[in-house]
């Protein structure tokens, strides 16, 4: 169920549903908040809701840095090739400043 709270900055919307984490967002217009909440509730009802906020907050360059510093340490002999600068250079140049949530198959096909 969604709740709407009037704030100075607009309408704070909280969507709470059993079995899901609470999702919140603020909108300038109440009608936008209601539309968004209805969409989130529908996705949760169908079991297809995915929280994209972490992906929207991280750019590809940061994700690659995190991968190279944390994941490759747990790998065996393939870790050396992952850390080679040329392996990620093309990705960094073409998509490095994009948020992970913004990287789509269409975008990738345009740079390939």
PDB file of N, CA and C in Angstrom:
ATOM      1  N   UNK A   1       0.835  -1.171   0.000  1.00  0.00           N
ATOM      2  CA  UNK A   1       0.000   0.000   0.000  1.00  0.00           C
ATOM      3  C   UNK A   1       0.885   1.241   0.000  1.00  0.00           C
ATOM      4  N   UNK A   2       0.482   2.243  -0.725  1.00  0.00           N
ATOM      5  CA  UNK A   2       1.260   3.472  -0.816  1.00  0.00           C
ATOM      6  C   UNK A   2       0.719   4.517   0.151  1.00  0.00           C
ATOM      7  N   UNK A   3       1.655   5.283   0.735  1.00  0.00           N
ATOM      8  CA  UNK A   3       1.263   6.427   1.557  1.00  0.00           C
ATOM      9  C   UNK A   3       1.927   7.662   0.970  1.00  0.00           C
ATOM     10  N   UNK A   4       1.220   8.780   1.037  1.00  0.00           N
ATOM     11  CA  UNK A   4       1.697  10.029   0.465  1.00  0.00           C
ATOM     12  C   UNK A   4       1.749  11.078   1.559  1.00  0.00           C
ATOM     13  N   UNK A   5       2.910  11.736   1.683  1.00  0.00           N
ATOM     14  CA  UNK A   5       3.107  12.736   2.713  1.00  0.00           C
ATOM     15  C   UNK A   5       3.555  14.032   2.057  1.00  0.00           C
ATOM     16  N   UNK A   6       2.840  15.131   2.348  1.00  0.00           N
ATOM     17  CA  UNK A   6       3.199  16.429   1.782  1.00  0.00           C
ATOM     18  C   UNK A   6       4.436  16.962   2.501  1.00  0.00           C
ATOM     19  N   UNK A   7       5.454  17.337   1.738  1.00  0.00           N
ATOM     20  CA  UNK A   7       6.693  17.928   2.272  1.00  0.00           C
ATOM     21  C   UNK A   7       6.937  19.261   1.578  1.00  0.00           C
ATOM     22  N   UNK A   8       7.931  20.009   2.051  1.00  0.00           N
ATOM     23  CA  UNK A   8       8.291  21.269   1.390  1.00  0.00           C
ATOM     24  C   UNK A   8       8.713  21.027  -0.054  1.00  0.00           C
ATOM     25  N   UNK A   9       9.425  19.933  -0.263  1.00  0.00           N
ATOM     26  CA  UNK A   9       9.985  19.645  -1.588  1.00  0.00           C
ATOM     27  C   UNK A   9       9.010  18.925  -2.505  1.00  0.00           C
ATOM     28  N   UNK A  10       7.845  18.549  -2.000  1.00  0.00           N
ATOM     29  CA  UNK A  10       6.872  17.845  -2.836  1.00  0.00           C
ATOM     30  C   UNK A  10       6.152  16.765  -2.052  1.00  0.00           C
ATOM     31  N   UNK A  11       5.836  15.690  -2.719  1.00  0.00           N
ATOM     32  CA  UNK A  11       5.101  14.576  -2.127  1.00  0.00           C
ATOM     33  C   UNK A  11       6.017  13.383  -1.935  1.00  0.00           C
ATOM     34  N   UNK A  12       6.232  13.013  -0.670  1.00  0.00           N
ATOM     35  CA  UNK A  12       7.028  11.826  -0.365  1.00  0.00           C
ATOM     36  C   UNK A  12       6.105  10.623  -0.444  1.00  0.00           C
ATOM     37  N   UNK A  13       6.540   9.628  -1.198  1.00  0.00           N
ATOM     38  CA  UNK A  13       5.724   8.440  -1.415  1.00  0.00           C
ATOM     39  C   UNK A  13       6.452   7.221  -0.865  1.00  0.00           C
ATOM     40  N   UNK A  14       5.769   6.443  -0.052  1.00  0.00           N
ATOM     41  CA  UNK A  14       6.301   5.191   0.472  1.00  0.00           C
ATOM     42  C   UNK A  14       5.394   4.062   0.000  1.00  0.00           C
ATOM     43  N   UNK A  15       6.004   3.047  -0.608  1.00  0.00           N
ATOM     44  CA  UNK A  15       5.243   1.866  -1.004  1.00  0.00           C
ATOM     45  C   UNK A  15       5.679   0.723  -0.101  1.00  0.00           C
ATOM     46  N   UNK A  16       4.720   0.191   0.651  1.00  0.00           N
ATOM     47  CA  UNK A  16       4.983  -0.929   1.552  1.00  0.00           C
ATOM     48  C   UNK A  16       4.116  -2.101   1.125  1.00  0.00           C
ATOM     49  N   UNK A  17       4.760  -3.230   1.001  1.00  0.00           N
ATOM     50  CA  UNK A  17       4.016  -4.438   0.639  1.00  0.00           C
ATOM     51  C   UNK A  17       4.681  -5.608   1.360  1.00  0.00           C
ATOM     52  N   UNK A  18       3.879  -6.491   1.906  1.00  0.00           N
ATOM     53  CA  UNK A  18       4.393  -7.630   2.653  1.00  0.00           C
ATOM     54  C   UNK A  18       5.330  -8.450   1.762  1.00  0.00           C
ATOM     55  N   UNK A  19       6.505  -8.743   2.293  1.00  0.00           N
ATOM     56  CA  UNK A  19       7.489  -9.529   1.564  1.00  0.00           C
ATOM     57  C   UNK A  19       8.467  -8.691   0.759  1.00  0.00           C
ATOM     58  N   UNK A  20       8.297  -7.369   0.755  1.00  0.00           N
ATOM     59  CA  UNK A  20       9.163  -6.481  -0.004  1.00  0.00           C
ATOM     60  C   UNK A  20       9.702  -5.397   0.921  1.00  0.00           C
ATOM     61  N   UNK A  21      10.885  -4.884   0.597  1.00  0.00           N
ATOM     62  CA  UNK A  21      11.416  -3.738   1.322  1.00  0.00           C
ATOM     63  C   UNK A  21      10.601  -2.497   0.952  1.00  0.00           C
ATOM     64  N   UNK A  22      10.511  -1.547   1.876  1.00  0.00           N
ATOM     65  CA  UNK A  22       9.819  -0.294   1.599  1.00  0.00           C
ATOM     66  C   UNK A  22      10.589   0.483   0.541  1.00  0.00           C
ATOM     67  N   UNK A  23       9.844   1.040  -0.414  1.00  0.00           N
ATOM     68  CA  UNK A  23      10.439   1.835  -1.481  1.00  0.00           C
ATOM     69  C   UNK A  23       9.889   3.247  -1.352  1.00  0.00           C
ATOM     70  N   UNK A  24      10.777   4.254  -1.373  1.00  0.00           N
ATOM     71  CA  UNK A  24      10.360   5.642  -1.202  1.00  0.00           C
ATOM     72  C   UNK A  24      10.907   6.513  -2.317  1.00  0.00           C
ATOM     73  N   UNK A  25      10.140   7.534  -2.641  1.00  0.00           N
ATOM     74  CA  UNK A  25      10.585   8.505  -3.632  1.00  0.00           C
ATOM     75  C   UNK A  25       9.759   9.773  -3.438  1.00  0.00           C
ATOM     76  N   UNK A  26      10.348  10.938  -3.789  1.00  0.00           N
ATOM     77  CA  UNK A  26       9.660  12.213  -3.650  1.00  0.00           C
ATOM     78  C   UNK A  26       9.370  12.796  -5.028  1.00  0.00           C
ATOM     79  N   UNK A  27       8.172  13.347  -5.173  1.00  0.00           N
ATOM     80  CA  UNK A  27       7.734  13.930  -6.438  1.00  0.00           C
ATOM     81  C   UNK A  27       7.212  15.339  -6.206  1.00  0.00           C
ATOM     82  N   UNK A  28       7.313  16.150  -7.221  1.00  0.00           N
ATOM     83  CA  UNK A  28       6.799  17.512  -7.142  1.00  0.00           C
ATOM     84  C   UNK A  28       5.271  17.515  -7.141  1.00  0.00           C
ATOM     85  N   UNK A  29       4.679  16.679  -7.981  1.00  0.00           N
ATOM     86  CA  UNK A  29       3.226  16.616  -8.099  1.00  0.00           C
ATOM     87  C   UNK A  29       2.680  15.330  -7.484  1.00  0.00           C
ATOM     88  N   UNK A  30       1.541  15.438  -6.819  1.00  0.00           N
ATOM     89  CA  UNK A  30       0.927  14.259  -6.212  1.00  0.00           C
ATOM     90  C   UNK A  30       0.494  13.256  -7.284  1.00  0.00           C
ATOM     91  N   UNK A  31       0.049  13.740  -8.419  1.00  0.00           N
ATOM     92  CA  UNK A  31      -0.377  12.827  -9.485  1.00  0.00           C
ATOM     93  C   UNK A  31       0.794  11.976  -9.990  1.00  0.00           C
ATOM     94  N   UNK A  32       1.991  12.580 -10.056  1.00  0.00           N
ATOM     95  CA  UNK A  32       3.184  11.802 -10.441  1.00  0.00           C
ATOM     96  C   UNK A  32       3.494  10.738  -9.389  1.00  0.00           C
ATOM     97  N   UNK A  33       3.358  11.122  -8.122  1.00  0.00           N
ATOM     98  CA  UNK A  33       3.611  10.187  -7.024  1.00  0.00           C
ATOM     99  C   UNK A  33       2.634   9.017  -7.081  1.00  0.00           C
ATOM    100  N   UNK A  34       1.371   9.303  -7.349  1.00  0.00           N
ATOM    101  CA  UNK A  34       0.364   8.248  -7.423  1.00  0.00           C
ATOM    102  C   UNK A  34       0.624   7.305  -8.597  1.00  0.00           C
ATOM    103  N   UNK A  35       0.981   7.865  -9.743  1.00  0.00           N
ATOM    104  CA  UNK A  35       1.295   7.033 -10.914  1.00  0.00           C
ATOM    105  C   UNK A  35       2.479   6.122 -10.637  1.00  0.00           C
ATOM    106  N   UNK A  36       3.542   6.688 -10.032  1.00  0.00           N
ATOM    107  CA  UNK A  36       4.740   5.906  -9.726  1.00  0.00           C
ATOM    108  C   UNK A  36       4.403   4.787  -8.737  1.00  0.00           C
ATOM    109  N   UNK A  37       3.672   5.129  -7.687  1.00  0.00           N
ATOM    110  CA  UNK A  37       3.329   4.138  -6.662  1.00  0.00           C
ATOM    111  C   UNK A  37       2.496   3.013  -7.265  1.00  0.00           C
ATOM    112  N   UNK A  38       1.547   3.352  -8.121  1.00  0.00           N
ATOM    113  CA  UNK A  38       0.711   2.333  -8.759  1.00  0.00           C
ATOM    114  C   UNK A  38       1.578   1.385  -9.601  1.00  0.00           C
ATOM    115  N   UNK A  39       2.552   1.935 -10.322  1.00  0.00           N
ATOM    116  CA  UNK A  39       3.452   1.103 -11.122  1.00  0.00           C
ATOM    117  C   UNK A  39       4.300   0.175 -10.269  1.00  0.00           C
ATOM    118  N   UNK A  40       4.831   0.691  -9.172  1.00  0.00           N
ATOM    119  CA  UNK A  40       5.651  -0.119  -8.262  1.00  0.00           C
ATOM    120  C   UNK A  40       4.805  -1.231  -7.649  1.00  0.00           C
ATOM    121  N   UNK A  41       3.601  -0.885  -7.201  1.00  0.00           N
ATOM    122  CA  UNK A  41       2.714  -1.893  -6.615  1.00  0.00           C
ATOM    123  C   UNK A  41       2.365  -2.979  -7.629  1.00  0.00           C
ATOM    124  N   UNK A  42       2.137  -2.590  -8.868  1.00  0.00           N
ATOM    125  CA  UNK A  42       1.832  -3.574  -9.916  1.00  0.00           C
ATOM    126  C   UNK A  42       3.000  -4.529 -10.131  1.00  0.00           C
ATOM    127  N   UNK A  43       4.211  -3.969 -10.194  1.00  0.00           N
ATOM    128  CA  UNK A  43       5.406  -4.810 -10.381  1.00  0.00           C
ATOM    129  C   UNK A  43       5.571  -5.773  -9.211  1.00  0.00           C
ATOM    130  N   UNK A  44       5.350  -5.284  -8.001  1.00  0.00           N
ATOM    131  CA  UNK A  44       5.468  -6.148  -6.823  1.00  0.00           C
ATOM    132  C   UNK A  44       4.408  -7.250  -6.857  1.00  0.00           C
ATOM    133  N   UNK A  45       3.203  -6.902  -7.249  1.00  0.00           N
ATOM    134  CA  UNK A  45       2.117  -7.874  -7.327  1.00  0.00           C
ATOM    135  C   UNK A  45       2.466  -9.009  -8.289  1.00  0.00           C
ATOM    136  N   UNK A  46       3.079  -8.649  -9.424  1.00  0.00           N
ATOM    137  CA  UNK A  46       3.443  -9.658 -10.424  1.00  0.00           C
ATOM    138  C   UNK A  46       4.758 -10.356 -10.097  1.00  0.00           C
ATOM    139  N   UNK A  47       5.454  -9.861  -9.063  1.00  0.00           N
ATOM    140  CA  UNK A  47       6.721 -10.478  -8.661  1.00  0.00           C
ATOM    141  C   UNK A  47       7.893 -10.036  -9.506  1.00  0.00           C
ATOM    142  N   UNK A  48       7.723  -8.977 -10.271  1.00  0.00           N
ATOM    143  CA  UNK A  48       8.786  -8.542 -11.169  1.00  0.00           C
ATOM    144  C   UNK A  48       9.469  -7.255 -10.763  1.00  0.00           C
ATOM    145  N   UNK A  49       9.249  -6.801  -9.528  1.00  0.00           N
ATOM    146  CA  UNK A  49       9.878  -5.546  -9.112  1.00  0.00           C
ATOM    147  C   UNK A  49      11.362  -5.739  -8.875  1.00  0.00           C
ATOM    148  N   UNK A  50      12.157  -4.840  -9.431  1.00  0.00           N
ATOM    149  CA  UNK A  50      13.599  -4.833  -9.214  1.00  0.00           C
ATOM    150  C   UNK A  50      13.980  -3.431  -8.754  1.00  0.00           C
ATOM    151  N   UNK A  51      14.642  -3.333  -7.624  1.00  0.00           N
ATOM    152  CA  UNK A  51      15.084  -2.039  -7.113  1.00  0.00           C
ATOM    153  C   UNK A  51      16.298  -1.590  -7.914  1.00  0.00           C
ATOM    154  N   UNK A  52      16.120  -0.576  -8.731  1.00  0.00           N
ATOM    155  CA  UNK A  52      17.182  -0.106  -9.621  1.00  0.00           C
ATOM    156  C   UNK A  52      17.992   1.045  -9.015  1.00  0.00           C
ATOM    157  N   UNK A  53      17.668   1.441  -7.805  1.00  0.00           N
ATOM    158  CA  UNK A  53      18.375   2.578  -7.201  1.00  0.00           C
ATOM    159  C   UNK A  53      19.874   2.342  -7.052  1.00  0.00           C
ATOM    160  N   UNK A  54      20.326   1.159  -6.601  1.00  0.00           N
ATOM    161  CA  UNK A  54      21.780   0.973  -6.518  1.00  0.00           C
ATOM    162  C   UNK A  54      22.453   1.058  -7.890  1.00  0.00           C
ATOM    163  N   UNK A  55      21.809   0.541  -8.911  1.00  0.00           N
ATOM    164  CA  UNK A  55      22.380   0.587 -10.263  1.00  0.00           C
ATOM    165  C   UNK A  55      22.357   1.997 -10.821  1.00  0.00           C
ATOM    166  N   UNK A  56      21.393   2.798 -10.411  1.00  0.00           N
ATOM    167  CA  UNK A  56      21.314   4.175 -10.886  1.00  0.00           C
ATOM    168  C   UNK A  56      22.346   5.054 -10.184  1.00  0.00           C
ATOM    169  N   UNK A  57      22.780   4.642  -9.004  1.00  0.00           N
ATOM    170  CA  UNK A  57      23.709   5.439  -8.218  1.00  0.00           C
ATOM    171  C   UNK A  57      25.176   5.126  -8.525  1.00  0.00           C
ATOM    172  N   UNK A  58      25.449   4.075  -9.272  1.00  0.00           N
ATOM    173  CA  UNK A  58      26.842   3.684  -9.548  1.00  0.00           C
ATOM    174  C   UNK A  58      27.124   3.753 -11.041  1.00  0.00           C
ATOM    175  N   UNK A  59      28.260   4.379 -11.376  1.00  0.00           N
ATOM    176  CA  UNK A  59      28.647   4.418 -12.780  1.00  0.00           C
ATOM    177  C   UNK A  59      29.538   3.219 -13.094  1.00  0.00           C
ATOM    178  N   UNK A  60      29.648   2.904 -14.385  1.00  0.00           N
ATOM    179  CA  UNK A  60      30.391   1.716 -14.800  1.00  0.00           C
ATOM    180  C   UNK A  60      31.842   1.761 -14.346  1.00  0.00           C
ATOM    181  N   UNK A  61      32.495   2.928 -14.430  1.00  0.00           N
ATOM    182  CA  UNK A  61      33.893   3.021 -13.990  1.00  0.00           C
ATOM    183  C   UNK A  61      34.045   2.573 -12.538  1.00  0.00           C
ATOM    184  N   UNK A  62      33.135   3.002 -11.681  1.00  0.00           N
ATOM    185  CA  UNK A  62      33.206   2.614 -10.268  1.00  0.00           C
ATOM    186  C   UNK A  62      32.963   1.118 -10.093  1.00  0.00           C
ATOM    187  N   UNK A  63      32.034   0.568 -10.863  1.00  0.00           N
ATOM    188  CA  UNK A  63      31.754  -0.871 -10.783  1.00  0.00           C
ATOM    189  C   UNK A  63      32.973  -1.676 -11.228  1.00  0.00           C
ATOM    190  N   UNK A  64      33.632  -1.236 -12.293  1.00  0.00           N
ATOM    191  CA  UNK A  64      34.834  -1.938 -12.754  1.00  0.00           C
ATOM    192  C   UNK A  64      35.953  -1.855 -11.723  1.00  0.00           C
ATOM    193  N   UNK A  65      36.129  -0.680 -11.111  1.00  0.00           N
ATOM    194  CA  UNK A  65      37.149  -0.531 -10.068  1.00  0.00           C
ATOM    195  C   UNK A  65      36.863  -1.468  -8.894  1.00  0.00           C
ATOM    196  N   UNK A  66      35.607  -1.534  -8.493  1.00  0.00           N
ATOM    197  CA  UNK A  66      35.210  -2.415  -7.400  1.00  0.00           C
ATOM    198  C   UNK A  66      35.466  -3.876  -7.755  1.00  0.00           C
ATOM    199  N   UNK A  67      35.109  -4.253  -8.966  1.00  0.00           N
ATOM    200  CA  UNK A  67      35.332  -5.622  -9.433  1.00  0.00           C
ATOM    201  C   UNK A  67      36.822  -5.956  -9.412  1.00  0.00           C
ATOM    202  N   UNK A  68      37.638  -5.055  -9.962  1.00  0.00           N
ATOM    203  CA  UNK A  68      39.071  -5.326 -10.038  1.00  0.00           C
ATOM    204  C   UNK A  68      39.728  -5.382  -8.661  1.00  0.00           C
ATOM    205  N   UNK A  69      39.226  -4.583  -7.722  1.00  0.00           N
ATOM    206  CA  UNK A  69      39.859  -4.572  -6.397  1.00  0.00           C
ATOM    207  C   UNK A  69      39.343  -5.665  -5.468  1.00  0.00           C
ATOM    208  N   UNK A  70      38.111  -6.138  -5.674  1.00  0.00           N
ATOM    209  CA  UNK A  70      37.559  -7.113  -4.741  1.00  0.00           C
ATOM    210  C   UNK A  70      37.345  -8.502  -5.336  1.00  0.00           C
ATOM    211  N   UNK A  71      36.785  -8.579  -6.505  1.00  0.00           N
ATOM    212  CA  UNK A  71      36.433  -9.886  -7.071  1.00  0.00           C
ATOM    213  C   UNK A  71      37.655 -10.603  -7.615  1.00  0.00           C
ATOM    214  N   UNK A  72      38.516  -9.880  -8.309  1.00  0.00           N
ATOM    215  CA  UNK A  72      39.670 -10.556  -8.908  1.00  0.00           C
ATOM    216  C   UNK A  72      40.608 -11.145  -7.871  1.00  0.00           C
ATOM    217  N   UNK A  73      40.553 -10.640  -6.645  1.00  0.00           N
ATOM    218  CA  UNK A  73      41.397 -11.196  -5.582  1.00  0.00           C
ATOM    219  C   UNK A  73      40.997 -12.631  -5.246  1.00  0.00           C
ATOM    220  N   UNK A  74      39.742 -12.975  -5.489  1.00  0.00           N
ATOM    221  CA  UNK A  74      39.262 -14.313  -5.154  1.00  0.00           C
ATOM    222  C   UNK A  74      39.417 -15.297  -6.316  1.00  0.00           C
ATOM    223  N   UNK A  75      39.860 -14.789  -7.457  1.00  0.00           N
ATOM    224  CA  UNK A  75      39.982 -15.641  -8.637  1.00  0.00           C
ATOM    225  C   UNK A  75      41.387 -16.236  -8.715  1.00  0.00           C
ATOM    226  N   UNK A  76      41.505 -17.259  -9.473  1.00  0.00           N
ATOM    227  CA  UNK A  76      42.801 -17.905  -9.629  1.00  0.00           C
ATOM    228  C   UNK A  76      43.630 -17.243 -10.714  1.00  0.00           C
ATOM    229  N   UNK A  77      44.083 -18.040 -11.680  1.00  0.00           N
ATOM    230  CA  UNK A  77      44.995 -17.549 -12.702  1.00  0.00           C
ATOM    231  C   UNK A  77      44.348 -16.549 -13.651  1.00  0.00           C
ATOM    232  N   UNK A  78      43.032 -16.543 -13.771  1.00  0.00           N
ATOM    233  CA  UNK A  78      42.384 -15.601 -14.685  1.00  0.00           C
ATOM    234  C   UNK A  78      42.387 -14.178 -14.144  1.00  0.00           C
ATOM    235  N   UNK A  79      42.733 -13.996 -12.875  1.00  0.00           N
ATOM    236  CA  UNK A  79      42.735 -12.670 -12.277  1.00  0.00           C
ATOM    237  C   UNK A  79      43.746 -11.754 -12.948  1.00  0.00           C
ATOM    238  N   UNK A  80      44.880 -12.301 -13.364  1.00  0.00           N
ATOM    239  CA  UNK A  80      45.895 -11.469 -14.019  1.00  0.00           C
ATOM    240  C   UNK A  80      45.350 -10.825 -15.284  1.00  0.00           C
ATOM    241  N   UNK A  81      44.675 -11.604 -16.107  1.00  0.00           N
ATOM    242  CA  UNK A  81      44.170 -11.055 -17.359  1.00  0.00           C
ATOM    243  C   UNK A  81      43.058 -10.038 -17.115  1.00  0.00           C
ATOM    244  N   UNK A  82      42.275 -10.211 -16.044  1.00  0.00           N
ATOM    245  CA  UNK A  82      41.228  -9.244 -15.721  1.00  0.00           C
ATOM    246  C   UNK A  82      41.808  -7.889 -15.345  1.00  0.00           C
ATOM    247  N   UNK A  83      42.979  -7.886 -14.722  1.00  0.00           N
ATOM    248  CA  UNK A  83      43.580  -6.632 -14.269  1.00  0.00           C
ATOM    249  C   UNK A  83      44.358  -5.916 -15.364  1.00  0.00           C
ATOM    250  N   UNK A  84      44.513  -6.515 -16.523  1.00  0.00           N
ATOM    251  CA  UNK A  84      45.225  -5.854 -17.612  1.00  0.00           C
ATOM    252  C   UNK A  84      44.435  -4.642 -18.065  1.00  0.00           C
ATOM    253  N   UNK A  85      45.090  -3.482 -18.213  1.00  0.00           N
ATOM    254  CA  UNK A  85      44.380  -2.247 -18.569  1.00  0.00           C
ATOM    255  C   UNK A  85      43.591  -2.347 -19.871  1.00  0.00           C
ATOM    256  N   UNK A  86      44.058  -3.078 -20.835  1.00  0.00           N
ATOM    257  CA  UNK A  86      43.381  -3.176 -22.118  1.00  0.00           C
ATOM    258  C   UNK A  86      42.049  -3.896 -22.053  1.00  0.00           C
ATOM    259  N   UNK A  87      41.873  -4.744 -21.049  1.00  0.00           N
ATOM    260  CA  UNK A  87      40.632  -5.518 -20.927  1.00  0.00           C
ATOM    261  C   UNK A  87      39.421  -4.625 -20.667  1.00  0.00           C
ATOM    262  N   UNK A  88      39.599  -3.562 -19.933  1.00  0.00           N
ATOM    263  CA  UNK A  88      38.473  -2.696 -19.589  1.00  0.00           C
ATOM    264  C   UNK A  88      38.542  -1.333 -20.281  1.00  0.00           C
ATOM    265  N   UNK A  89      39.599  -1.083 -21.030  1.00  0.00           N
ATOM    266  CA  UNK A  89      39.796   0.242 -21.632  1.00  0.00           C
ATOM    267  C   UNK A  89      38.637   0.641 -22.541  1.00  0.00           C
ATOM    268  N   UNK A  90      38.215  -0.244 -23.432  1.00  0.00           N
ATOM    269  CA  UNK A  90      37.136   0.088 -24.367  1.00  0.00           C
ATOM    270  C   UNK A  90      35.827   0.359 -23.622  1.00  0.00           C
ATOM    271  N   UNK A  91      35.554  -0.453 -22.616  1.00  0.00           N
ATOM    272  CA  UNK A  91      34.335  -0.230 -21.822  1.00  0.00           C
ATOM    273  C   UNK A  91      34.388   1.109 -21.093  1.00  0.00           C
ATOM    274  N   UNK A  92      35.530   1.404 -20.505  1.00  0.00           N
ATOM    275  CA  UNK A  92      35.669   2.666 -19.771  1.00  0.00           C
ATOM    276  C   UNK A  92      35.512   3.869 -20.691  1.00  0.00           C
ATOM    277  N   UNK A  93      36.104   3.794 -21.882  1.00  0.00           N
ATOM    278  CA  UNK A  93      36.035   4.927 -22.813  1.00  0.00           C
ATOM    279  C   UNK A  93      34.615   5.138 -23.332  1.00  0.00           C
ATOM    280  N   UNK A  94      33.923   4.067 -23.654  1.00  0.00           N
ATOM    281  CA  UNK A  94      32.604   4.185 -24.266  1.00  0.00           C
ATOM    282  C   UNK A  94      31.470   4.369 -23.256  1.00  0.00           C
ATOM    283  N   UNK A  95      31.543   3.670 -22.124  1.00  0.00           N
ATOM    284  CA  UNK A  95      30.416   3.642 -21.201  1.00  0.00           C
ATOM    285  C   UNK A  95      30.769   3.992 -19.764  1.00  0.00           C
ATOM    286  N   UNK A  96      32.001   4.356 -19.517  1.00  0.00           N
ATOM    287  CA  UNK A  96      32.482   4.545 -18.147  1.00  0.00           C
ATOM    288  C   UNK A  96      31.714   5.532 -17.307  1.00  0.00           C
ATOM    289  N   UNK A  97      31.157   6.580 -17.913  1.00  0.00           N
ATOM    290  CA  UNK A  97      30.446   7.601 -17.153  1.00  0.00           C
ATOM    291  C   UNK A  97      28.941   7.364 -17.096  1.00  0.00           C
ATOM    292  N   UNK A  98      28.467   6.256 -17.664  1.00  0.00           N
ATOM    293  CA  UNK A  98      27.047   5.929 -17.617  1.00  0.00           C
ATOM    294  C   UNK A  98      26.716   5.217 -16.311  1.00  0.00           C
ATOM    295  N   UNK A  99      25.545   5.515 -15.771  1.00  0.00           N
ATOM    296  CA  UNK A  99      25.045   4.761 -14.616  1.00  0.00           C
ATOM    297  C   UNK A  99      24.732   3.343 -15.083  1.00  0.00           C
ATOM    298  N   UNK A 100      24.938   2.365 -14.222  1.00  0.00           N
ATOM    299  CA  UNK A 100      24.674   0.977 -14.597  1.00  0.00           C
ATOM    300  C   UNK A 100      23.236   0.785 -15.069  1.00  0.00           C
ATOM    301  N   UNK A 101      22.300   1.485 -14.443  1.00  0.00           N
ATOM    302  CA  UNK A 101      20.897   1.347 -14.824  1.00  0.00           C
ATOM    303  C   UNK A 101      20.616   1.906 -16.214  1.00  0.00           C
ATOM    304  N   UNK A 102      21.501   2.760 -16.725  1.00  0.00           N
ATOM    305  CA  UNK A 102      21.289   3.394 -18.033  1.00  0.00           C
ATOM    306  C   UNK A 102      21.895   2.593 -19.178  1.00  0.00           C
ATOM    307  N   UNK A 103      22.667   1.581 -18.867  1.00  0.00           N
ATOM    308  CA  UNK A 103      23.323   0.797 -19.917  1.00  0.00           C
ATOM    309  C   UNK A 103      22.341  -0.251 -20.426  1.00  0.00           C
ATOM    310  N   UNK A 104      21.947  -0.089 -21.672  1.00  0.00           N
ATOM    311  CA  UNK A 104      20.962  -0.980 -22.291  1.00  0.00           C
ATOM    312  C   UNK A 104      21.609  -1.726 -23.455  1.00  0.00           C
ATOM    313  N   UNK A 105      21.002  -2.811 -23.903  1.00  0.00           N
ATOM    314  CA  UNK A 105      21.538  -3.507 -25.079  1.00  0.00           C
ATOM    315  C   UNK A 105      21.635  -2.583 -26.302  1.00  0.00           C
ATOM    316  N   UNK A 106      20.673  -1.706 -26.458  1.00  0.00           N
ATOM    317  CA  UNK A 106      20.697  -0.766 -27.587  1.00  0.00           C
ATOM    318  C   UNK A 106      21.912   0.154 -27.497  1.00  0.00           C
ATOM    319  N   UNK A 107      22.199   0.664 -26.306  1.00  0.00           N
ATOM    320  CA  UNK A 107      23.351   1.543 -26.112  1.00  0.00           C
ATOM    321  C   UNK A 107      24.656   0.785 -26.417  1.00  0.00           C
ATOM    322  N   UNK A 108      24.763  -0.433 -25.940  1.00  0.00           N
ATOM    323  CA  UNK A 108      25.961  -1.231 -26.177  1.00  0.00           C
ATOM    324  C   UNK A 108      26.136  -1.510 -27.673  1.00  0.00           C
ATOM    325  N   UNK A 109      25.044  -1.788 -28.370  1.00  0.00           N
ATOM    326  CA  UNK A 109      25.137  -2.081 -29.814  1.00  0.00           C
ATOM    327  C   UNK A 109      25.557  -0.846 -30.595  1.00  0.00           C
ATOM    328  N   UNK A 110      25.260   0.336 -30.107  1.00  0.00           N
ATOM    329  CA  UNK A 110      25.642   1.568 -30.809  1.00  0.00           C
ATOM    330  C   UNK A 110      27.140   1.841 -30.720  1.00  0.00           C
ATOM    331  N   UNK A 111      27.795   1.334 -29.674  1.00  0.00           N
ATOM    332  CA  UNK A 111      29.225   1.587 -29.520  1.00  0.00           C
ATOM    333  C   UNK A 111      30.079   0.468 -30.069  1.00  0.00           C
ATOM    334  N   UNK A 112      29.465  -0.669 -30.326  1.00  0.00           N
ATOM    335  CA  UNK A 112      30.227  -1.836 -30.775  1.00  0.00           C
ATOM    336  C   UNK A 112      30.700  -1.688 -32.204  1.00  0.00           C
TER     337      UNK A 112
END
